[in-house]
Amino acid sequence: GRDILFDQNFKYNLAVRRTLETVYENYEGDRTTAEWKA
């Protein structure tokens, strides 16, 4: 049931999270920059 709360808190929470997760899992560029860390 954990994802239910994400959706209850805000209608685009799951889309935001999964977009960023996809980026985090697949990005092959420089992961040492300040913006990547942010």
PDB file of all heavy atoms in Angstrom:
ATOM      1  N   GLY A   1       0.784  -1.228   0.000  1.00  0.00           N
ATOM      2  CA  GLY A   1       0.000   0.000   0.000  1.00  0.00           C
ATOM      3  C   GLY A   1       0.813   1.273   0.000  1.00  0.00           C
ATOM      4  O   GLY A   1       0.245   2.368   0.022  1.00  0.00           O
ATOM      5  N   ARG A   2       2.138   1.169  -0.030  1.00  0.00           N
ATOM      6  CA  ARG A   2       2.974   2.356   0.179  1.00  0.00           C
ATOM      7  C   ARG A   2       2.769   3.434  -0.886  1.00  0.00           C
ATOM      8  O   ARG A   2       2.781   4.630  -0.596  1.00  0.00           O
ATOM      9  CB  ARG A   2       4.448   1.959   0.240  1.00  0.00           C
ATOM     10  CG  ARG A   2       4.836   1.324   1.562  1.00  0.00           C
ATOM     11  CD  ARG A   2       6.266   0.855   1.534  1.00  0.00           C
ATOM     12  NE  ARG A   2       6.692   0.374   2.854  1.00  0.00           N
ATOM     13  CZ  ARG A   2       7.803  -0.312   3.067  1.00  0.00           C
ATOM     14  NH1 ARG A   2       8.590  -0.586   2.047  1.00  0.00           N
ATOM     15  NH2 ARG A   2       8.131  -0.705   4.279  1.00  0.00           N
ATOM     16  N   ASP A   3       2.549   3.048  -2.131  1.00  0.00           N
ATOM     17  CA  ASP A   3       2.401   4.043  -3.184  1.00  0.00           C
ATOM     18  C   ASP A   3       1.085   4.802  -3.087  1.00  0.00           C
ATOM     19  O   ASP A   3       0.940   5.883  -3.669  1.00  0.00           O
ATOM     20  CB  ASP A   3       2.506   3.383  -4.553  1.00  0.00           C
ATOM     21  CG  ASP A   3       3.946   3.219  -5.011  1.00  0.00           C
ATOM     22  OD1 ASP A   3       4.846   3.516  -4.210  1.00  0.00           O
ATOM     23  OD2 ASP A   3       4.157   2.794  -6.158  1.00  0.00           O
ATOM     24  N   ILE A   4       0.106   4.255  -2.383  1.00  0.00           N
ATOM     25  CA  ILE A   4      -1.170   4.957  -2.226  1.00  0.00           C
ATOM     26  C   ILE A   4      -0.946   6.314  -1.590  1.00  0.00           C
ATOM     27  O   ILE A   4      -1.519   7.322  -2.018  1.00  0.00           O
ATOM     28  CB  ILE A   4      -2.154   4.113  -1.386  1.00  0.00           C
ATOM     29  CG1 ILE A   4      -2.576   2.863  -2.159  1.00  0.00           C
ATOM     30  CG2 ILE A   4      -3.389   4.934  -1.029  1.00  0.00           C
ATOM     31  CD1 ILE A   4      -3.473   1.917  -1.357  1.00  0.00           C
ATOM     32  N   LEU A   5      -0.103   6.361  -0.556  1.00  0.00           N
ATOM     33  CA  LEU A   5       0.120   7.626   0.138  1.00  0.00           C
ATOM     34  C   LEU A   5       0.769   8.661  -0.778  1.00  0.00           C
ATOM     35  O   LEU A   5       0.422   9.847  -0.722  1.00  0.00           O
ATOM     36  CB  LEU A   5       0.977   7.429   1.383  1.00  0.00           C
ATOM     37  CG  LEU A   5       1.180   8.705   2.198  1.00  0.00           C
ATOM     38  CD1 LEU A   5      -0.128   9.159   2.829  1.00  0.00           C
ATOM     39  CD2 LEU A   5       2.252   8.528   3.252  1.00  0.00           C
ATOM     40  N   PHE A   6       1.710   8.233  -1.615  1.00  0.00           N
ATOM     41  CA  PHE A   6       2.313   9.165  -2.569  1.00  0.00           C
ATOM     42  C   PHE A   6       1.220   9.856  -3.392  1.00  0.00           C
ATOM     43  O   PHE A   6       1.231  11.073  -3.579  1.00  0.00           O
ATOM     44  CB  PHE A   6       3.273   8.427  -3.505  1.00  0.00           C
ATOM     45  CG  PHE A   6       4.683   8.346  -3.007  1.00  0.00           C
ATOM     46  CD1 PHE A   6       5.085   7.324  -2.180  1.00  0.00           C
ATOM     47  CD2 PHE A   6       5.609   9.314  -3.360  1.00  0.00           C
ATOM     48  CE1 PHE A   6       6.393   7.244  -1.717  1.00  0.00           C
ATOM     49  CE2 PHE A   6       6.916   9.253  -2.910  1.00  0.00           C
ATOM     50  CZ  PHE A   6       7.316   8.208  -2.081  1.00  0.00           C
ATOM     51  N   ASP A   7       0.282   9.072  -3.900  1.00  0.00           N
ATOM     52  CA  ASP A   7      -0.775   9.621  -4.732  1.00  0.00           C
ATOM     53  C   ASP A   7      -1.731  10.482  -3.915  1.00  0.00           C
ATOM     54  O   ASP A   7      -2.212  11.513  -4.391  1.00  0.00           O
ATOM     55  CB  ASP A   7      -1.538   8.496  -5.411  1.00  0.00           C
ATOM     56  CG  ASP A   7      -2.505   9.009  -6.462  1.00  0.00           C
ATOM     57  OD1 ASP A   7      -2.036   9.490  -7.512  1.00  0.00           O
ATOM     58  OD2 ASP A   7      -3.727   8.955  -6.228  1.00  0.00           O
ATOM     59  N   GLN A   8      -2.018  10.100  -2.695  1.00  0.00           N
ATOM     60  CA  GLN A   8      -2.905  10.895  -1.853  1.00  0.00           C
ATOM     61  C   GLN A   8      -2.290  12.261  -1.523  1.00  0.00           C
ATOM     62  O   GLN A   8      -2.995  13.263  -1.452  1.00  0.00           O
ATOM     63  CB  GLN A   8      -3.203  10.153  -0.549  1.00  0.00           C
ATOM     64  CG  GLN A   8      -4.129   8.963  -0.707  1.00  0.00           C
ATOM     65  CD  GLN A   8      -4.422   8.310   0.633  1.00  0.00           C
ATOM     66  OE1 GLN A   8      -3.512   8.043   1.424  1.00  0.00           O
ATOM     67  NE2 GLN A   8      -5.687   8.058   0.892  1.00  0.00           N
ATOM     68  N   ASN A   9      -0.992  12.294  -1.322  1.00  0.00           N
ATOM     69  CA  ASN A   9      -0.340  13.535  -0.933  1.00  0.00           C
ATOM     70  C   ASN A   9      -0.338  14.584  -2.037  1.00  0.00           C
ATOM     71  O   ASN A   9      -0.403  15.783  -1.758  1.00  0.00           O
ATOM     72  CB  ASN A   9       1.098  13.260  -0.490  1.00  0.00           C
ATOM     73  CG  ASN A   9       1.163  12.695   0.914  1.00  0.00           C
ATOM     74  OD1 ASN A   9       0.203  12.742   1.672  1.00  0.00           O
ATOM     75  ND2 ASN A   9       2.324  12.149   1.266  1.00  0.00           N
ATOM     76  N   PHE A  10      -0.265  14.125  -3.290  1.00  0.00           N
ATOM     77  CA  PHE A  10      -0.240  15.066  -4.417  1.00  0.00           C
ATOM     78  C   PHE A  10      -0.379  14.262  -5.702  1.00  0.00           C
ATOM     79  O   PHE A  10       0.276  13.226  -5.866  1.00  0.00           O
ATOM     80  CB  PHE A  10       1.063  15.876  -4.405  1.00  0.00           C
ATOM     81  CG  PHE A  10       1.266  16.761  -5.597  1.00  0.00           C
ATOM     82  CD1 PHE A  10       0.323  17.712  -5.945  1.00  0.00           C
ATOM     83  CD2 PHE A  10       2.418  16.646  -6.377  1.00  0.00           C
ATOM     84  CE1 PHE A  10       0.518  18.534  -7.059  1.00  0.00           C
ATOM     85  CE2 PHE A  10       2.618  17.460  -7.477  1.00  0.00           C
ATOM     86  CZ  PHE A  10       1.661  18.406  -7.819  1.00  0.00           C
ATOM     87  N   LYS A  11      -1.211  14.744  -6.637  1.00  0.00           N
ATOM     88  CA  LYS A  11      -1.575  13.922  -7.794  1.00  0.00           C
ATOM     89  C   LYS A  11      -0.422  13.633  -8.732  1.00  0.00           C
ATOM     90  O   LYS A  11      -0.493  12.683  -9.524  1.00  0.00           O
ATOM     91  CB  LYS A  11      -2.727  14.561  -8.563  1.00  0.00           C
ATOM     92  CG  LYS A  11      -2.408  15.908  -9.192  1.00  0.00           C
ATOM     93  CD  LYS A  11      -3.636  16.427  -9.946  1.00  0.00           C
ATOM     94  CE  LYS A  11      -3.382  17.786 -10.573  1.00  0.00           C
ATOM     95  NZ  LYS A  11      -4.587  18.261 -11.315  1.00  0.00           N
ATOM     96  N   TYR A  12       0.675  14.431  -8.684  1.00  0.00           N
ATOM     97  CA  TYR A  12       1.804  14.163  -9.567  1.00  0.00           C
ATOM     98  C   TYR A  12       3.014  13.600  -8.819  1.00  0.00           C
ATOM     99  O   TYR A  12       4.105  13.500  -9.389  1.00  0.00           O
ATOM    100  CB  TYR A  12       2.210  15.434 -10.317  1.00  0.00           C
ATOM    101  CG  TYR A  12       1.157  15.906 -11.297  1.00  0.00           C
ATOM    102  CD1 TYR A  12       0.574  17.162 -11.160  1.00  0.00           C
ATOM    103  CD2 TYR A  12       0.741  15.095 -12.347  1.00  0.00           C
ATOM    104  CE1 TYR A  12      -0.404  17.593 -12.051  1.00  0.00           C
ATOM    105  CE2 TYR A  12      -0.240  15.520 -13.242  1.00  0.00           C
ATOM    106  CZ  TYR A  12      -0.808  16.771 -13.090  1.00  0.00           C
ATOM    107  OH  TYR A  12      -1.773  17.188 -13.975  1.00  0.00           O
ATOM    108  N   ASN A  13       2.825  13.219  -7.582  1.00  0.00           N
ATOM    109  CA  ASN A  13       3.962  12.690  -6.809  1.00  0.00           C
ATOM    110  C   ASN A  13       4.584  11.455  -7.439  1.00  0.00           C
ATOM    111  O   ASN A  13       5.813  11.342  -7.528  1.00  0.00           O
ATOM    112  CB  ASN A  13       3.515  12.346  -5.386  1.00  0.00           C
ATOM    113  CG  ASN A  13       3.693  13.494  -4.418  1.00  0.00           C
ATOM    114  OD1 ASN A  13       4.449  14.418  -4.665  1.00  0.00           O
ATOM    115  ND2 ASN A  13       2.990  13.433  -3.307  1.00  0.00           N
ATOM    116  N   LEU A  14       3.746  10.529  -7.874  1.00  0.00           N
ATOM    117  CA  LEU A  14       4.283   9.291  -8.439  1.00  0.00           C
ATOM    118  C   LEU A  14       4.996   9.565  -9.755  1.00  0.00           C
ATOM    119  O   LEU A  14       6.041   8.970 -10.041  1.00  0.00           O
ATOM    120  CB  LEU A  14       3.172   8.265  -8.630  1.00  0.00           C
ATOM    121  CG  LEU A  14       2.645   7.637  -7.334  1.00  0.00           C
ATOM    122  CD1 LEU A  14       1.384   6.828  -7.606  1.00  0.00           C
ATOM    123  CD2 LEU A  14       3.703   6.762  -6.691  1.00  0.00           C
ATOM    124  N   ALA A  15       4.448  10.458 -10.543  1.00  0.00           N
ATOM    125  CA  ALA A  15       5.105  10.799 -11.809  1.00  0.00           C
ATOM    126  C   ALA A  15       6.452  11.470 -11.563  1.00  0.00           C
ATOM    127  O   ALA A  15       7.439  11.178 -12.241  1.00  0.00           O
ATOM    128  CB  ALA A  15       4.200  11.716 -12.635  1.00  0.00           C
ATOM    129  N   VAL A  16       6.499  12.360 -10.575  1.00  0.00           N
ATOM    130  CA  VAL A  16       7.768  13.010 -10.227  1.00  0.00           C
ATOM    131  C   VAL A  16       8.771  11.975  -9.749  1.00  0.00           C
ATOM    132  O   VAL A  16       9.924  11.936 -10.214  1.00  0.00           O
ATOM    133  CB  VAL A  16       7.550  14.082  -9.140  1.00  0.00           C
ATOM    134  CG1 VAL A  16       8.886  14.560  -8.582  1.00  0.00           C
ATOM    135  CG2 VAL A  16       6.759  15.265  -9.693  1.00  0.00           C
ATOM    136  N   ARG A  17       8.346  11.155  -8.807  1.00  0.00           N
ATOM    137  CA  ARG A  17       9.275  10.182  -8.240  1.00  0.00           C
ATOM    138  C   ARG A  17       9.805   9.213  -9.283  1.00  0.00           C
ATOM    139  O   ARG A  17      11.009   8.952  -9.362  1.00  0.00           O
ATOM    140  CB  ARG A  17       8.585   9.392  -7.113  1.00  0.00           C
ATOM    141  CG  ARG A  17       9.542   8.611  -6.226  1.00  0.00           C
ATOM    142  CD  ARG A  17       8.808   7.575  -5.399  1.00  0.00           C
ATOM    143  NE  ARG A  17       8.502   6.392  -6.191  1.00  0.00           N
ATOM    144  CZ  ARG A  17       7.553   5.508  -5.860  1.00  0.00           C
ATOM    145  NH1 ARG A  17       6.792   5.708  -4.799  1.00  0.00           N
ATOM    146  NH2 ARG A  17       7.345   4.452  -6.613  1.00  0.00           N
ATOM    147  N   ARG A  18       8.929   8.698 -10.110  1.00  0.00           N
ATOM    148  CA  ARG A  18       9.363   7.685 -11.068  1.00  0.00           C
ATOM    149  C   ARG A  18      10.194   8.292 -12.201  1.00  0.00           C
ATOM    150  O   ARG A  18      11.076   7.627 -12.737  1.00  0.00           O
ATOM    151  CB  ARG A  18       8.140   6.939 -11.599  1.00  0.00           C
ATOM    152  CG  ARG A  18       7.572   6.047 -10.511  1.00  0.00           C
ATOM    153  CD  ARG A  18       6.341   5.314 -10.926  1.00  0.00           C
ATOM    154  NE  ARG A  18       5.882   4.503  -9.799  1.00  0.00           N
ATOM    155  CZ  ARG A  18       4.628   4.212  -9.557  1.00  0.00           C
ATOM    156  NH1 ARG A  18       3.686   4.649 -10.354  1.00  0.00           N
ATOM    157  NH2 ARG A  18       4.300   3.470  -8.519  1.00  0.00           N
ATOM    158  N   THR A  19       9.919   9.537 -12.544  1.00  0.00           N
ATOM    159  CA  THR A  19      10.778  10.209 -13.518  1.00  0.00           C
ATOM    160  C   THR A  19      12.190  10.344 -12.964  1.00  0.00           C
ATOM    161  O   THR A  19      13.181  10.024 -13.658  1.00  0.00           O
ATOM    162  CB  THR A  19      10.212  11.598 -13.863  1.00  0.00           C
ATOM    163  OG1 THR A  19       8.937  11.446 -14.505  1.00  0.00           O
ATOM    164  CG2 THR A  19      11.155  12.353 -14.793  1.00  0.00           C
ATOM    165  N   LEU A  20      12.295  10.808 -11.731  1.00  0.00           N
ATOM    166  CA  LEU A  20      13.614  10.982 -11.121  1.00  0.00           C
ATOM    167  C   LEU A  20      14.297   9.637 -10.875  1.00  0.00           C
ATOM    168  O   LEU A  20      15.521   9.527 -11.001  1.00  0.00           O
ATOM    169  CB  LEU A  20      13.482  11.760  -9.812  1.00  0.00           C
ATOM    170  CG  LEU A  20      12.980  13.197  -9.951  1.00  0.00           C
ATOM    171  CD1 LEU A  20      12.893  13.859  -8.585  1.00  0.00           C
ATOM    172  CD2 LEU A  20      13.874  14.010 -10.879  1.00  0.00           C
ATOM    173  N   GLU A  21      13.524   8.629 -10.538  1.00  0.00           N
ATOM    174  CA  GLU A  21      14.109   7.291 -10.355  1.00  0.00           C
ATOM    175  C   GLU A  21      14.661   6.759 -11.673  1.00  0.00           C
ATOM    176  O   GLU A  21      15.732   6.131 -11.697  1.00  0.00           O
ATOM    177  CB  GLU A  21      13.055   6.335  -9.795  1.00  0.00           C
ATOM    178  CG  GLU A  21      12.728   6.568  -8.326  1.00  0.00           C
ATOM    179  CD  GLU A  21      11.597   5.701  -7.831  1.00  0.00           C
ATOM    180  OE1 GLU A  21      10.892   5.082  -8.662  1.00  0.00           O
ATOM    181  OE2 GLU A  21      11.396   5.659  -6.605  1.00  0.00           O
ATOM    182  N   THR A  22      13.924   6.982 -12.750  1.00  0.00           N
ATOM    183  CA  THR A  22      14.410   6.543 -14.067  1.00  0.00           C
ATOM    184  C   THR A  22      15.710   7.252 -14.419  1.00  0.00           C
ATOM    185  O   THR A  22      16.655   6.640 -14.942  1.00  0.00           O
ATOM    186  CB  THR A  22      13.340   6.809 -15.140  1.00  0.00           C
ATOM    187  OG1 THR A  22      12.132   6.126 -14.790  1.00  0.00           O
ATOM    188  CG2 THR A  22      13.811   6.330 -16.505  1.00  0.00           C
ATOM    189  N   VAL A  23      15.772   8.539 -14.122  1.00  0.00           N
ATOM    190  CA  VAL A  23      17.004   9.294 -14.342  1.00  0.00           C
ATOM    191  C   VAL A  23      18.131   8.724 -13.480  1.00  0.00           C
ATOM    192  O   VAL A  23      19.248   8.485 -13.966  1.00  0.00           O
ATOM    193  CB  VAL A  23      16.785  10.788 -14.011  1.00  0.00           C
ATOM    194  CG1 VAL A  23      18.118  11.526 -13.930  1.00  0.00           C
ATOM    195  CG2 VAL A  23      15.883  11.433 -15.064  1.00  0.00           C
ATOM    196  N   TYR A  24      17.833   8.494 -12.215  1.00  0.00           N
ATOM    197  CA  TYR A  24      18.850   8.017 -11.281  1.00  0.00           C
ATOM    198  C   TYR A  24      19.403   6.646 -11.686  1.00  0.00           C
ATOM    199  O   TYR A  24      20.595   6.375 -11.551  1.00  0.00           O
ATOM    200  CB  TYR A  24      18.247   7.936  -9.883  1.00  0.00           C
ATOM    201  CG  TYR A  24      19.245   7.633  -8.800  1.00  0.00           C
ATOM    202  CD1 TYR A  24      20.092   8.618  -8.299  1.00  0.00           C
ATOM    203  CD2 TYR A  24      19.361   6.347  -8.271  1.00  0.00           C
ATOM    204  CE1 TYR A  24      21.022   8.341  -7.309  1.00  0.00           C
ATOM    205  CE2 TYR A  24      20.275   6.058  -7.284  1.00  0.00           C
ATOM    206  CZ  TYR A  24      21.105   7.056  -6.809  1.00  0.00           C
ATOM    207  OH  TYR A  24      22.020   6.772  -5.826  1.00  0.00           O
ATOM    208  N   GLU A  25      18.547   5.805 -12.202  1.00  0.00           N
ATOM    209  CA  GLU A  25      18.953   4.444 -12.556  1.00  0.00           C
ATOM    210  C   GLU A  25      19.677   4.378 -13.905  1.00  0.00           C
ATOM    211  O   GLU A  25      20.441   3.440 -14.148  1.00  0.00           O
ATOM    212  CB  GLU A  25      17.725   3.532 -12.597  1.00  0.00           C
ATOM    213  CG  GLU A  25      17.096   3.286 -11.229  1.00  0.00           C
ATOM    214  CD  GLU A  25      15.741   2.610 -11.331  1.00  0.00           C
ATOM    215  OE1 GLU A  25      15.243   2.427 -12.478  1.00  0.00           O
ATOM    216  OE2 GLU A  25      15.160   2.288 -10.278  1.00  0.00           O
ATOM    217  N   ASN A  26      19.456   5.349 -14.792  1.00  0.00           N
ATOM    218  CA  ASN A  26      19.935   5.209 -16.172  1.00  0.00           C
ATOM    219  C   ASN A  26      20.945   6.254 -16.625  1.00  0.00           C
ATOM    220  O   ASN A  26      21.544   6.094 -17.691  1.00  0.00           O
ATOM    221  CB  ASN A  26      18.739   5.229 -17.137  1.00  0.00           C
ATOM    222  CG  ASN A  26      17.826   4.028 -16.953  1.00  0.00           C
ATOM    223  OD1 ASN A  26      18.111   2.940 -17.444  1.00  0.00           O
ATOM    224  ND2 ASN A  26      16.724   4.228 -16.237  1.00  0.00           N
ATOM    225  N   TYR A  27      21.129   7.304 -15.858  1.00  0.00           N
ATOM    226  CA  TYR A  27      22.048   8.366 -16.291  1.00  0.00           C
ATOM    227  C   TYR A  27      23.490   7.868 -16.274  1.00  0.00           C
ATOM    228  O   TYR A  27      23.968   7.330 -15.273  1.00  0.00           O
ATOM    229  CB  TYR A  27      21.905   9.576 -15.380  1.00  0.00           C
ATOM    230  CG  TYR A  27      22.794  10.742 -15.754  1.00  0.00           C
ATOM    231  CD1 TYR A  27      22.765  11.287 -17.032  1.00  0.00           C
ATOM    232  CD2 TYR A  27      23.668  11.304 -14.821  1.00  0.00           C
ATOM    233  CE1 TYR A  27      23.575  12.361 -17.389  1.00  0.00           C
ATOM    234  CE2 TYR A  27      24.475  12.384 -15.153  1.00  0.00           C
ATOM    235  CZ  TYR A  27      24.418  12.895 -16.435  1.00  0.00           C
ATOM    236  OH  TYR A  27      25.217  13.957 -16.771  1.00  0.00           O
ATOM    237  N   GLU A  28      24.195   8.046 -17.380  1.00  0.00           N
ATOM    238  CA  GLU A  28      25.570   7.571 -17.500  1.00  0.00           C
ATOM    239  C   GLU A  28      26.575   8.716 -17.552  1.00  0.00           C
ATOM    240  O   GLU A  28      27.754   8.500 -17.820  1.00  0.00           O
ATOM    241  CB  GLU A  28      25.706   6.693 -18.744  1.00  0.00           C
ATOM    242  CG  GLU A  28      24.869   5.418 -18.676  1.00  0.00           C
ATOM    243  CD  GLU A  28      25.026   4.530 -19.905  1.00  0.00           C
ATOM    244  OE1 GLU A  28      25.724   4.974 -20.863  1.00  0.00           O
ATOM    245  OE2 GLU A  28      24.462   3.431 -19.918  1.00  0.00           O
ATOM    246  N   GLY A  29      26.115   9.925 -17.287  1.00  0.00           N
ATOM    247  CA  GLY A  29      27.004  11.075 -17.318  1.00  0.00           C
ATOM    248  C   GLY A  29      27.736  11.274 -16.002  1.00  0.00           C
ATOM    249  O   GLY A  29      27.823  10.368 -15.164  1.00  0.00           O
ATOM    250  N   ASP A  30      28.255  12.470 -15.790  1.00  0.00           N
ATOM    251  CA  ASP A  30      29.071  12.797 -14.619  1.00  0.00           C
ATOM    252  C   ASP A  30      28.189  12.915 -13.376  1.00  0.00           C
ATOM    253  O   ASP A  30      27.330  13.797 -13.289  1.00  0.00           O
ATOM    254  CB  ASP A  30      29.801  14.112 -14.879  1.00  0.00           C
ATOM    255  CG  ASP A  30      30.806  14.438 -13.776  1.00  0.00           C
ATOM    256  OD1 ASP A  30      30.840  13.721 -12.763  1.00  0.00           O
ATOM    257  OD2 ASP A  30      31.552  15.427 -13.938  1.00  0.00           O
ATOM    258  N   ARG A  31      28.418  12.035 -12.421  1.00  0.00           N
ATOM    259  CA  ARG A  31      27.635  12.036 -11.182  1.00  0.00           C
ATOM    260  C   ARG A  31      28.378  12.725 -10.040  1.00  0.00           C
ATOM    261  O   ARG A  31      28.022  12.543  -8.881  1.00  0.00           O
ATOM    262  CB  ARG A  31      27.256  10.611 -10.785  1.00  0.00           C
ATOM    263  CG  ARG A  31      26.301   9.947 -11.776  1.00  0.00           C
ATOM    264  CD  ARG A  31      25.831   8.588 -11.292  1.00  0.00           C
ATOM    265  NE  ARG A  31      24.856   8.013 -12.209  1.00  0.00           N
ATOM    266  CZ  ARG A  31      23.711   7.423 -11.829  1.00  0.00           C
ATOM    267  NH1 ARG A  31      23.417   7.331 -10.540  1.00  0.00           N
ATOM    268  NH2 ARG A  31      22.872   6.929 -12.722  1.00  0.00           N
ATOM    269  N   THR A  32      29.370  13.481 -10.371  1.00  0.00           N
ATOM    270  CA  THR A  32      30.133  14.175  -9.319  1.00  0.00           C
ATOM    271  C   THR A  32      29.839  15.675  -9.294  1.00  0.00           C
ATOM    272  O   THR A  32      30.315  16.378  -8.403  1.00  0.00           O
ATOM    273  CB  THR A  32      31.642  13.976  -9.525  1.00  0.00           C
ATOM    274  OG1 THR A  32      32.053  14.603 -10.743  1.00  0.00           O
ATOM    275  CG2 THR A  32      32.000  12.496  -9.540  1.00  0.00           C
ATOM    276  N   THR A  33      29.050  16.164 -10.243  1.00  0.00           N
ATOM    277  CA  THR A  33      28.782  17.598 -10.305  1.00  0.00           C
ATOM    278  C   THR A  33      27.835  18.022  -9.185  1.00  0.00           C
ATOM    279  O   THR A  33      27.084  17.213  -8.628  1.00  0.00           O
ATOM    280  CB  THR A  33      28.152  17.991 -11.649  1.00  0.00           C
ATOM    281  OG1 THR A  33      26.849  17.396 -11.740  1.00  0.00           O
ATOM    282  CG2 THR A  33      29.005  17.516 -12.809  1.00  0.00           C
ATOM    283  N   ALA A  34      27.826  19.327  -8.901  1.00  0.00           N
ATOM    284  CA  ALA A  34      26.975  19.864  -7.834  1.00  0.00           C
ATOM    285  C   ALA A  34      25.499  19.689  -8.173  1.00  0.00           C
ATOM    286  O   ALA A  34      24.684  19.365  -7.299  1.00  0.00           O
ATOM    287  CB  ALA A  34      27.293  21.342  -7.614  1.00  0.00           C
ATOM    288  N   GLU A  35      25.138  19.867  -9.455  1.00  0.00           N
ATOM    289  CA  GLU A  35      23.722  19.732  -9.815  1.00  0.00           C
ATOM    290  C   GLU A  35      23.255  18.282  -9.732  1.00  0.00           C
ATOM    291  O   GLU A  35      22.108  18.019  -9.336  1.00  0.00           O
ATOM    292  CB  GLU A  35      23.474  20.306 -11.212  1.00  0.00           C
ATOM    293  CG  GLU A  35      23.438  21.830 -11.229  1.00  0.00           C
ATOM    294  CD  GLU A  35      22.525  22.368 -12.315  1.00  0.00           C
ATOM    295  OE1 GLU A  35      22.873  22.211 -13.498  1.00  0.00           O
ATOM    296  OE2 GLU A  35      21.482  22.952 -11.964  1.00  0.00           O
ATOM    297  N   TRP A  36      24.115  17.343 -10.111  1.00  0.00           N
ATOM    298  CA  TRP A  36      23.704  15.945  -9.954  1.00  0.00           C
ATOM    299  C   TRP A  36      23.498  15.614  -8.484  1.00  0.00           C
ATOM    300  O   TRP A  36      22.517  14.953  -8.121  1.00  0.00           O
ATOM    301  CB  TRP A  36      24.721  14.982 -10.564  1.00  0.00           C
ATOM    302  CG  TRP A  36      24.343  13.558 -10.263  1.00  0.00           C
ATOM    303  CD1 TRP A  36      24.818  12.761  -9.260  1.00  0.00           C
ATOM    304  CD2 TRP A  36      23.336  12.792 -10.930  1.00  0.00           C
ATOM    305  NE1 TRP A  36      24.182  11.540  -9.257  1.00  0.00           N
ATOM    306  CE2 TRP A  36      23.261  11.531 -10.277  1.00  0.00           C
ATOM    307  CE3 TRP A  36      22.494  13.040 -12.007  1.00  0.00           C
ATOM    308  CZ2 TRP A  36      22.378  10.539 -10.672  1.00  0.00           C
ATOM    309  CZ3 TRP A  36      21.605  12.044 -12.414  1.00  0.00           C
ATOM    310  CH2 TRP A  36      21.560  10.818 -11.750  1.00  0.00           C
ATOM    311  N   LYS A  37      24.401  16.055  -7.627  1.00  0.00           N
ATOM    312  CA  LYS A  37      24.270  15.806  -6.194  1.00  0.00           C
ATOM    313  C   LYS A  37      22.980  16.437  -5.656  1.00  0.00           C
ATOM    314  O   LYS A  37      22.316  15.882  -4.787  1.00  0.00           O
ATOM    315  CB  LYS A  37      25.481  16.343  -5.437  1.00  0.00           C
ATOM    316  CG  LYS A  37      26.789  15.613  -5.748  1.00  0.00           C
ATOM    317  CD  LYS A  37      26.710  14.153  -5.328  1.00  0.00           C
ATOM    318  CE  LYS A  37      28.030  13.427  -5.580  1.00  0.00           C
ATOM    319  NZ  LYS A  37      27.952  11.978  -5.231  1.00  0.00           N
ATOM    320  N   ALA A  38      22.642  17.612  -6.187  1.00  0.00           N
ATOM    321  CA  ALA A  38      21.409  18.276  -5.763  1.00  0.00           C
ATOM    322  C   ALA A  38      20.179  17.500  -6.222  1.00  0.00           C
ATOM    323  O   ALA A  38      19.195  17.368  -5.482  1.00  0.00           O
ATOM    324  CB  ALA A  38      21.372  19.701  -6.309  1.00  0.00           C
TER     325      ALA A  38
END
